[in-house]
Amino acid sequence: MIVALRFLTDELSFDNDDACREFLETHGAQHTIEERADDMGGRTIRIKVKEAAGVFEGLRQAAFSKVDIKGQI
């Protein structure tokens, strides 16, 4: 499954596409970004969601990992 970068920008409430792309690149998902020329001679940036899912699942688990406190019941 592939989605447009604009979709992720809107869904994740980034200010612009560049901020969303920078976030993806700094968090290890740069290999999921695909640039293609569109029909009108511009460029379209798309994200390979299936490949990015593993990266983001690992980041989610790291962010919400459990901390064992000594004396915890």
N, C-alpha and C. Protein backbone atom coordinates (compact mmCIF):
# COMPACT_ATOMS: atom_id res chain seq x y z
N MET A 1 0.84 -1.18 0.00
CA MET A 1 0.00 0.00 0.00
C MET A 1 0.89 1.24 0.00
N ILE A 2 0.52 2.19 -0.80
CA ILE A 2 1.28 3.43 -0.93
C ILE A 2 0.33 4.61 -0.74
N VAL A 3 0.75 5.58 0.07
CA VAL A 3 -0.06 6.79 0.27
C VAL A 3 0.79 8.02 -0.07
N ALA A 4 0.12 9.09 -0.41
CA ALA A 4 0.81 10.34 -0.70
C ALA A 4 1.34 10.97 0.58
N LEU A 5 2.47 11.63 0.47
CA LEU A 5 3.05 12.33 1.62
C LEU A 5 2.06 13.35 2.16
N ARG A 6 1.30 13.99 1.29
CA ARG A 6 0.30 14.99 1.70
C ARG A 6 -0.70 14.37 2.67
N PHE A 7 -1.09 13.10 2.45
CA PHE A 7 -2.02 12.42 3.33
C PHE A 7 -1.43 12.29 4.74
N LEU A 8 -0.19 11.85 4.84
CA LEU A 8 0.46 11.73 6.15
C LEU A 8 0.62 13.09 6.81
N THR A 9 0.97 14.10 6.02
CA THR A 9 1.13 15.45 6.56
C THR A 9 -0.17 15.92 7.20
N ASP A 10 -1.28 15.70 6.53
CA ASP A 10 -2.58 16.11 7.06
C ASP A 10 -3.00 15.27 8.26
N GLU A 11 -2.84 13.96 8.17
CA GLU A 11 -3.29 13.07 9.25
C GLU A 11 -2.48 13.24 10.52
N LEU A 12 -1.19 13.51 10.38
CA LEU A 12 -0.32 13.65 11.56
C LEU A 12 -0.13 15.10 11.98
N SER A 13 -0.82 16.02 11.31
CA SER A 13 -0.85 17.45 11.64
C SER A 13 0.52 18.13 11.60
N PHE A 14 1.31 17.80 10.59
CA PHE A 14 2.56 18.52 10.38
C PHE A 14 2.22 19.86 9.71
N ASP A 15 3.11 20.83 9.87
CA ASP A 15 2.89 22.14 9.27
C ASP A 15 2.95 22.09 7.75
N ASN A 16 3.87 21.28 7.22
CA ASN A 16 4.01 21.17 5.77
C ASN A 16 4.63 19.82 5.41
N ASP A 17 4.70 19.55 4.11
CA ASP A 17 5.24 18.27 3.64
C ASP A 17 6.72 18.11 3.99
N ASP A 18 7.47 19.20 3.97
CA ASP A 18 8.89 19.13 4.29
C ASP A 18 9.13 18.69 5.72
N ALA A 19 8.32 19.17 6.66
CA ALA A 19 8.45 18.77 8.06
C ALA A 19 8.12 17.30 8.23
N CYS A 20 7.11 16.83 7.53
CA CYS A 20 6.73 15.41 7.60
C CYS A 20 7.85 14.54 7.03
N ARG A 21 8.40 14.94 5.89
CA ARG A 21 9.48 14.18 5.27
C ARG A 21 10.72 14.16 6.17
N GLU A 22 11.04 15.29 6.78
CA GLU A 22 12.19 15.35 7.68
C GLU A 22 11.99 14.41 8.87
N PHE A 23 10.78 14.37 9.41
CA PHE A 23 10.46 13.46 10.51
C PHE A 23 10.69 12.00 10.08
N LEU A 24 10.21 11.65 8.92
CA LEU A 24 10.38 10.28 8.42
C LEU A 24 11.86 9.93 8.25
N GLU A 25 12.62 10.86 7.70
CA GLU A 25 14.04 10.61 7.45
C GLU A 25 14.84 10.50 8.75
N THR A 26 14.53 11.31 9.74
CA THR A 26 15.28 11.27 11.00
C THR A 26 14.90 10.07 11.87
N HIS A 27 13.77 9.44 11.58
CA HIS A 27 13.35 8.28 12.37
C HIS A 27 13.54 6.96 11.63
N GLY A 28 14.40 6.96 10.63
CA GLY A 28 14.80 5.71 9.98
C GLY A 28 13.87 5.19 8.91
N ALA A 29 12.99 6.01 8.39
CA ALA A 29 12.06 5.55 7.36
C ALA A 29 12.37 6.16 5.99
N GLN A 30 13.61 6.61 5.79
CA GLN A 30 13.95 7.24 4.53
C GLN A 30 13.84 6.28 3.35
N HIS A 31 14.00 4.98 3.57
CA HIS A 31 13.89 4.01 2.49
C HIS A 31 12.44 3.78 2.04
N THR A 32 11.48 4.31 2.77
CA THR A 32 10.08 4.14 2.40
C THR A 32 9.55 5.31 1.56
N ILE A 33 10.37 6.33 1.37
CA ILE A 33 9.96 7.50 0.60
C ILE A 33 10.25 7.26 -0.88
N GLU A 34 9.26 7.48 -1.69
CA GLU A 34 9.39 7.26 -3.13
C GLU A 34 9.00 8.53 -3.88
N GLU A 35 9.89 9.03 -4.73
CA GLU A 35 9.60 10.22 -5.54
C GLU A 35 9.37 9.79 -6.97
N ARG A 36 8.32 10.31 -7.57
CA ARG A 36 8.00 10.00 -8.96
C ARG A 36 7.56 11.27 -9.66
N ALA A 37 7.79 11.29 -10.97
CA ALA A 37 7.30 12.40 -11.78
C ALA A 37 5.81 12.16 -12.05
N ASP A 38 5.01 13.21 -11.92
CA ASP A 38 3.59 13.06 -12.21
C ASP A 38 3.31 13.42 -13.67
N ASP A 39 2.06 13.35 -14.07
CA ASP A 39 1.67 13.58 -15.46
C ASP A 39 1.92 15.00 -15.93
N MET A 40 1.97 15.94 -15.02
CA MET A 40 2.11 17.34 -15.40
C MET A 40 3.55 17.84 -15.28
N GLY A 41 4.49 16.94 -15.14
CA GLY A 41 5.90 17.31 -15.09
C GLY A 41 6.40 17.67 -13.71
N GLY A 42 5.55 17.63 -12.70
CA GLY A 42 5.96 17.89 -11.32
C GLY A 42 6.44 16.61 -10.66
N ARG A 43 6.58 16.64 -9.36
CA ARG A 43 6.99 15.43 -8.65
C ARG A 43 5.96 15.08 -7.59
N THR A 44 5.80 13.82 -7.39
CA THR A 44 4.88 13.30 -6.39
C THR A 44 5.70 12.50 -5.39
N ILE A 45 5.50 12.75 -4.13
CA ILE A 45 6.21 12.01 -3.09
C ILE A 45 5.20 11.09 -2.42
N ARG A 46 5.55 9.79 -2.40
CA ARG A 46 4.66 8.80 -1.82
C ARG A 46 5.42 7.99 -0.77
N ILE A 47 4.66 7.40 0.14
CA ILE A 47 5.23 6.61 1.23
C ILE A 47 4.75 5.17 1.10
N LYS A 48 5.70 4.23 1.17
CA LYS A 48 5.38 2.81 1.13
C LYS A 48 5.00 2.39 2.56
N VAL A 49 3.72 2.33 2.83
CA VAL A 49 3.21 2.11 4.18
C VAL A 49 3.58 0.75 4.72
N LYS A 50 3.51 -0.27 3.90
CA LYS A 50 3.80 -1.63 4.36
C LYS A 50 5.24 -1.74 4.88
N GLU A 51 6.17 -1.10 4.19
CA GLU A 51 7.57 -1.13 4.63
C GLU A 51 7.81 -0.24 5.85
N ALA A 52 7.07 0.84 5.96
CA ALA A 52 7.24 1.77 7.07
C ALA A 52 6.60 1.26 8.36
N ALA A 53 5.67 0.33 8.27
CA ALA A 53 4.95 -0.15 9.45
C ALA A 53 5.89 -0.74 10.49
N GLY A 54 6.87 -1.52 10.08
CA GLY A 54 7.82 -2.11 11.01
C GLY A 54 8.65 -1.08 11.74
N VAL A 55 9.07 -0.06 11.02
CA VAL A 55 9.87 1.01 11.62
C VAL A 55 9.06 1.72 12.70
N PHE A 56 7.82 2.09 12.37
CA PHE A 56 7.02 2.84 13.31
C PHE A 56 6.52 1.99 14.47
N GLU A 57 6.32 0.71 14.24
CA GLU A 57 5.93 -0.17 15.34
C GLU A 57 7.06 -0.28 16.36
N GLY A 58 8.29 -0.37 15.88
CA GLY A 58 9.44 -0.40 16.78
C GLY A 58 9.59 0.89 17.57
N LEU A 59 9.37 2.03 16.90
CA LEU A 59 9.42 3.32 17.60
C LEU A 59 8.31 3.45 18.63
N ARG A 60 7.11 2.95 18.29
CA ARG A 60 5.98 3.00 19.23
C ARG A 60 6.27 2.16 20.46
N GLN A 61 6.81 0.96 20.25
CA GLN A 61 7.12 0.09 21.37
C GLN A 61 8.20 0.70 22.27
N ALA A 62 9.18 1.34 21.67
CA ALA A 62 10.24 1.98 22.46
C ALA A 62 9.68 3.15 23.27
N ALA A 63 8.75 3.89 22.69
CA ALA A 63 8.18 5.05 23.37
C ALA A 63 7.28 4.65 24.53
N PHE A 64 6.61 3.52 24.42
CA PHE A 64 5.65 3.11 25.45
C PHE A 64 6.08 1.83 26.16
N SER A 65 7.37 1.60 26.26
CA SER A 65 7.84 0.40 26.93
C SER A 65 7.59 0.50 28.43
N LYS A 66 7.42 -0.65 29.04
CA LYS A 66 7.12 -0.69 30.48
C LYS A 66 8.42 -0.54 31.27
N VAL A 67 8.30 0.13 32.38
CA VAL A 67 9.42 0.29 33.28
C VAL A 67 9.07 -0.46 34.56
N ASP A 68 9.93 -1.39 34.92
CA ASP A 68 9.70 -2.16 36.12
C ASP A 68 10.29 -1.41 37.33
N ILE A 69 9.45 -1.09 38.27
CA ILE A 69 9.88 -0.35 39.45
C ILE A 69 10.07 -1.34 40.59
N LYS A 70 11.18 -1.21 41.27
CA LYS A 70 11.47 -2.11 42.39
C LYS A 70 10.37 -1.98 43.44
N GLY A 71 9.85 -3.09 43.88
CA GLY A 71 8.78 -3.06 44.88
C GLY A 71 7.41 -2.96 44.27
N GLN A 72 7.32 -3.04 42.97
CA GLN A 72 6.03 -2.96 42.29
C GLN A 72 5.19 -4.19 42.61
N ILE A 73 3.92 -3.99 42.85
CA ILE A 73 3.04 -5.12 43.20
C ILE A 73 2.49 -5.73 41.93
